[in-house]
Amino acid sequence: MSYVDGFVTAVPTADKETYRAFCRRMSSVFKEHGALEVVDCWGDDVPPGKLTSFPLAVQCAENETVAFGWISWSSRAARDEAWKKVMADPRMQSGGSPPFDGKRMIYGGFERL
């Protein structure tokens, strides 16, 4: 059964192009290690909400934009094996810090229904 890793984070709006370049680099790494698809999205219509919302969940500041994305895998087993390789890949250590606060990122793995 196919599997998806999903994430939501807040990125400084001024760093959109830096984030885009970061996503391109990471996408290459994930695809080389078995990802079927890597999708990165920049918030365009993401209302703040009062009780729950993407901006509230990631503590999005006024000068930040919500980014959303996912990685598709053929199975949970393929994903688990690939993540070991991704984390050991030297490009993950040499790419510098991500252009967002990783402490506010929400992520998880999901089985497709």
Protein backbone atom coordinates (compact mmCIF):
# COMPACT_ATOMS: atom_id res chain seq x y z
CA MET A 1 0.00 0.00 0.00
CA SER A 2 1.36 3.45 -0.84
CA TYR A 3 2.53 5.80 1.87
CA VAL A 4 2.89 9.58 2.25
CA ASP A 5 5.01 11.81 4.48
CA GLY A 6 3.36 15.20 4.96
CA PHE A 7 4.50 18.45 6.53
CA VAL A 8 3.45 22.00 7.28
CA THR A 9 5.85 24.76 8.34
CA ALA A 10 6.20 28.54 8.47
CA VAL A 11 8.82 30.15 6.22
CA PRO A 12 9.94 33.80 6.26
CA THR A 13 8.12 35.33 3.29
CA ALA A 14 11.28 37.15 2.21
CA ASP A 15 13.04 33.77 1.92
CA LYS A 16 10.68 32.25 -0.65
CA GLU A 17 13.40 31.75 -3.28
CA THR A 18 15.82 30.36 -0.70
CA TYR A 19 13.09 27.93 0.36
CA ARG A 20 12.42 26.99 -3.27
CA ALA A 21 16.13 26.19 -3.78
CA PHE A 22 16.17 24.18 -0.54
CA CYS A 23 13.14 22.19 -1.72
CA ARG A 24 14.80 21.44 -5.07
CA ARG A 25 17.90 20.09 -3.31
CA MET A 26 15.89 17.99 -0.87
CA SER A 27 13.61 16.70 -3.62
CA SER A 28 16.62 15.35 -5.51
CA VAL A 29 17.87 13.52 -2.43
CA PHE A 30 14.49 11.97 -1.66
CA LYS A 31 13.88 10.90 -5.26
CA GLU A 32 17.33 9.32 -5.54
CA HIS A 33 16.47 7.24 -2.48
CA GLY A 34 13.10 6.03 -3.74
CA ALA A 35 10.49 8.78 -3.39
CA LEU A 36 7.89 8.55 -6.14
CA GLU A 37 6.86 12.19 -5.88
CA VAL A 38 7.90 15.24 -3.87
CA VAL A 39 5.49 18.17 -3.80
CA ASP A 40 6.22 21.54 -2.16
CA CYS A 41 3.58 24.26 -1.92
CA TRP A 42 3.64 27.94 -0.91
CA GLY A 43 0.60 29.27 0.97
CA ASP A 44 -1.69 31.45 -1.10
CA ASP A 45 -5.12 31.18 0.55
CA VAL A 46 -4.42 30.02 4.11
CA PRO A 47 -6.81 31.75 6.54
CA PRO A 48 -5.59 32.24 10.12
CA GLY A 49 -8.57 30.76 11.99
CA LYS A 50 -9.55 31.31 15.61
CA LEU A 51 -9.38 27.83 17.08
CA THR A 52 -7.49 25.75 14.49
CA SER A 53 -5.67 26.54 11.26
CA PHE A 54 -2.39 25.94 9.49
CA PRO A 55 -1.00 29.34 10.60
CA LEU A 56 -1.95 28.71 14.23
CA ALA A 57 -0.52 25.20 14.17
CA VAL A 58 2.93 26.39 13.07
CA GLN A 59 2.82 29.70 14.97
CA CYS A 60 3.11 31.60 11.69
CA ALA A 61 4.29 35.18 12.24
CA GLU A 62 3.08 38.16 10.20
CA ASN A 63 6.26 38.11 8.10
CA GLU A 64 5.98 34.38 7.36
CA THR A 65 4.06 32.20 4.91
CA VAL A 66 2.76 28.68 5.49
CA ALA A 67 4.44 26.01 3.35
CA PHE A 68 2.86 22.60 2.85
CA GLY A 69 4.20 19.53 1.16
CA TRP A 70 4.32 15.77 0.86
CA ILE A 71 6.50 12.91 -0.30
CA SER A 72 4.91 9.83 -1.86
CA TRP A 73 6.40 6.37 -1.39
CA SER A 74 5.47 2.95 -2.75
CA SER A 75 5.02 1.59 0.80
CA ARG A 76 5.75 2.26 4.46
CA ALA A 77 8.66 -0.21 4.27
CA ALA A 78 10.15 1.63 1.27
CA ARG A 79 9.77 4.92 3.11
CA ASP A 80 11.39 3.62 6.29
CA GLU A 81 14.34 2.21 4.36
CA ALA A 82 14.73 5.38 2.29
CA TRP A 83 14.73 7.65 5.34
CA LYS A 84 17.77 5.80 6.70
CA LYS A 85 19.59 6.47 3.44
CA VAL A 86 18.37 10.07 3.23
CA MET A 87 19.61 10.86 6.74
CA ALA A 88 23.00 9.26 5.96
CA ASP A 89 23.32 11.13 2.65
CA PRO A 90 26.20 13.66 2.86
CA ARG A 91 24.07 16.29 1.08
CA MET A 92 21.79 16.38 4.12
CA GLN A 93 24.70 17.55 6.29
CA SER A 94 26.30 19.88 3.72
CA GLY A 95 23.13 21.73 2.72
CA GLY A 96 23.23 24.12 5.68
CA SER A 97 20.31 24.93 7.92
CA PRO A 98 16.81 24.84 6.44
CA PRO A 99 15.31 28.30 5.80
CA PHE A 100 12.61 27.81 8.46
CA ASP A 101 12.29 27.00 12.17
CA GLY A 102 12.18 23.20 12.27
CA LYS A 103 10.82 23.29 15.83
CA ARG A 104 7.52 24.62 14.46
CA MET A 105 7.24 22.13 11.62
CA ILE A 106 4.43 19.58 11.83
CA TYR A 107 5.08 16.31 10.03
CA GLY A 108 3.95 12.73 9.94
CA GLY A 109 3.56 9.58 7.90
CA PHE A 110 0.22 8.53 6.47
CA GLU A 111 -1.15 5.38 4.88
CA ARG A 112 -3.23 6.17 1.79
CA LEU A 113 -6.86 5.12 2.01
